[in-house]
Amino acid sequence: MMNGFGGMGFGMGFGWIFWLIIIGVAIWAVVRLAGNNSTHHTVFSGTSSPQETPLDILKKRYARGEITEAEYTEMRKSL
């Protein structure tokens, strides 16, 4: 007979495993896609890129207009 499970014992027991797998795959996909984001490393490491030198950063700041030519020249000499 049905032994008190209403005929759903096997299906109900493994139904939650199916949903856990689906949720796990969805979380994995989101993390995987977020890992390909180029700003991902800047948020967590605090640097623009591992290959960037202090002189490169200084040049970018000057190009963006954050510092004047005199400040750029003075900072460049100190580097």
C-alpha atoms as a PDB file:
ATOM      1  CA  MET A   1       0.000   0.000   0.000  1.00  0.00           C
ATOM      2  CA  MET A   2       1.008   3.633   0.390  1.00  0.00           C
ATOM      3  CA  ASN A   3       2.398   3.365   3.933  1.00  0.00           C
ATOM      4  CA  GLY A   4       1.143   6.800   4.980  1.00  0.00           C
ATOM      5  CA  PHE A   5       3.062   8.785   2.357  1.00  0.00           C
ATOM      6  CA  GLY A   6       0.167   9.270   0.017  1.00  0.00           C
ATOM      7  CA  GLY A   7       2.196   7.840  -2.854  1.00  0.00           C
ATOM      8  CA  MET A   8       4.577  10.820  -2.834  1.00  0.00           C
ATOM      9  CA  GLY A   9       7.342   9.518  -0.568  1.00  0.00           C
ATOM     10  CA  PHE A  10      10.053   9.105  -3.181  1.00  0.00           C
ATOM     11  CA  GLY A  11       9.171  12.184  -5.254  1.00  0.00           C
ATOM     12  CA  MET A  12       8.826  14.533  -2.289  1.00  0.00           C
ATOM     13  CA  GLY A  13      12.067  13.311  -0.788  1.00  0.00           C
ATOM     14  CA  PHE A  14      14.146  14.204  -3.817  1.00  0.00           C
ATOM     15  CA  GLY A  15      12.184  17.259  -4.973  1.00  0.00           C
ATOM     16  CA  TRP A  16      14.075  19.598  -2.647  1.00  0.00           C
ATOM     17  CA  ILE A  17      17.412  18.271  -3.924  1.00  0.00           C
ATOM     18  CA  PHE A  18      16.374  19.254  -7.441  1.00  0.00           C
ATOM     19  CA  TRP A  19      15.626  22.822  -6.296  1.00  0.00           C
ATOM     20  CA  LEU A  20      18.889  23.048  -4.347  1.00  0.00           C
ATOM     21  CA  ILE A  21      20.777  22.095  -7.498  1.00  0.00           C
ATOM     22  CA  ILE A  22      18.882  24.706  -9.555  1.00  0.00           C
ATOM     23  CA  ILE A  23      19.546  27.440  -6.961  1.00  0.00           C
ATOM     24  CA  GLY A  24      23.199  26.408  -6.691  1.00  0.00           C
ATOM     25  CA  VAL A  25      23.685  26.617 -10.450  1.00  0.00           C
ATOM     26  CA  ALA A  26      22.022  30.050 -10.524  1.00  0.00           C
ATOM     27  CA  ILE A  27      24.280  31.366  -7.735  1.00  0.00           C
ATOM     28  CA  TRP A  28      27.350  29.906  -9.437  1.00  0.00           C
ATOM     29  CA  ALA A  29      26.383  31.597 -12.728  1.00  0.00           C
ATOM     30  CA  VAL A  30      25.907  34.990 -11.063  1.00  0.00           C
ATOM     31  CA  VAL A  31      29.253  34.757  -9.255  1.00  0.00           C
ATOM     32  CA  ARG A  32      30.974  33.589 -12.417  1.00  0.00           C
ATOM     33  CA  LEU A  33      29.572  36.481 -14.472  1.00  0.00           C
ATOM     34  CA  ALA A  34      30.374  39.018 -11.748  1.00  0.00           C
ATOM     35  CA  GLY A  35      33.961  37.734 -11.684  1.00  0.00           C
ATOM     36  CA  ASN A  36      34.431  38.766 -15.322  1.00  0.00           C
ATOM     37  CA  ASN A  37      33.648  42.389 -14.488  1.00  0.00           C
ATOM     38  CA  SER A  38      36.758  44.548 -15.005  1.00  0.00           C
ATOM     39  CA  THR A  39      35.972  46.706 -11.952  1.00  0.00           C
ATOM     40  CA  HIS A  40      35.790  43.642  -9.745  1.00  0.00           C
ATOM     41  CA  HIS A  41      39.494  43.819  -8.920  1.00  0.00           C
ATOM     42  CA  THR A  42      39.501  47.559  -8.224  1.00  0.00           C
ATOM     43  CA  VAL A  43      36.717  47.263  -5.665  1.00  0.00           C
ATOM     44  CA  PHE A  44      38.420  44.584  -3.607  1.00  0.00           C
ATOM     45  CA  SER A  45      42.118  45.310  -4.071  1.00  0.00           C
ATOM     46  CA  GLY A  46      42.045  49.116  -4.101  1.00  0.00           C
ATOM     47  CA  THR A  47      44.318  49.411  -7.139  1.00  0.00           C
ATOM     48  CA  SER A  48      43.585  50.031 -10.789  1.00  0.00           C
ATOM     49  CA  SER A  49      45.699  47.177 -12.110  1.00  0.00           C
ATOM     50  CA  PRO A  50      48.661  45.154 -10.882  1.00  0.00           C
ATOM     51  CA  GLN A  51      50.942  46.300 -13.734  1.00  0.00           C
ATOM     52  CA  GLU A  52      50.306  50.021 -13.246  1.00  0.00           C
ATOM     53  CA  THR A  53      53.324  51.954 -11.965  1.00  0.00           C
ATOM     54  CA  PRO A  54      53.187  55.108  -9.840  1.00  0.00           C
ATOM     55  CA  LEU A  55      54.310  57.096 -12.887  1.00  0.00           C
ATOM     56  CA  ASP A  56      51.384  55.706 -14.882  1.00  0.00           C
ATOM     57  CA  ILE A  57      48.995  56.804 -12.155  1.00  0.00           C
ATOM     58  CA  LEU A  58      50.577  60.253 -12.081  1.00  0.00           C
ATOM     59  CA  LYS A  59      50.230  60.589 -15.861  1.00  0.00           C
ATOM     60  CA  LYS A  60      46.567  59.628 -15.689  1.00  0.00           C
ATOM     61  CA  ARG A  61      45.885  62.150 -12.932  1.00  0.00           C
ATOM     62  CA  TYR A  62      47.537  64.874 -14.999  1.00  0.00           C
ATOM     63  CA  ALA A  63      45.594  63.845 -18.102  1.00  0.00           C
ATOM     64  CA  ARG A  64      42.304  63.992 -16.179  1.00  0.00           C
ATOM     65  CA  GLY A  65      43.160  67.464 -14.902  1.00  0.00           C
ATOM     66  CA  GLU A  66      43.363  66.474 -11.253  1.00  0.00           C
ATOM     67  CA  ILE A  67      46.777  68.084 -10.860  1.00  0.00           C
ATOM     68  CA  THR A  68      48.510  71.040 -12.519  1.00  0.00           C
ATOM     69  CA  GLU A  69      51.595  70.880 -14.703  1.00  0.00           C
ATOM     70  CA  ALA A  70      53.751  72.222 -11.868  1.00  0.00           C
ATOM     71  CA  GLU A  71      52.430  69.565  -9.479  1.00  0.00           C
ATOM     72  CA  TYR A  72      52.983  66.886 -12.124  1.00  0.00           C
ATOM     73  CA  THR A  73      56.585  67.978 -12.705  1.00  0.00           C
ATOM     74  CA  GLU A  74      57.344  68.132  -8.984  1.00  0.00           C
ATOM     75  CA  MET A  75      55.798  64.730  -8.268  1.00  0.00           C
ATOM     76  CA  ARG A  76      57.541  63.197 -11.268  1.00  0.00           C
ATOM     77  CA  LYS A  77      60.926  64.370  -9.985  1.00  0.00           C
ATOM     78  CA  SER A  78      60.264  62.825  -6.581  1.00  0.00           C
ATOM     79  CA  LEU A  79      59.413  59.486  -8.154  1.00  0.00           C
END
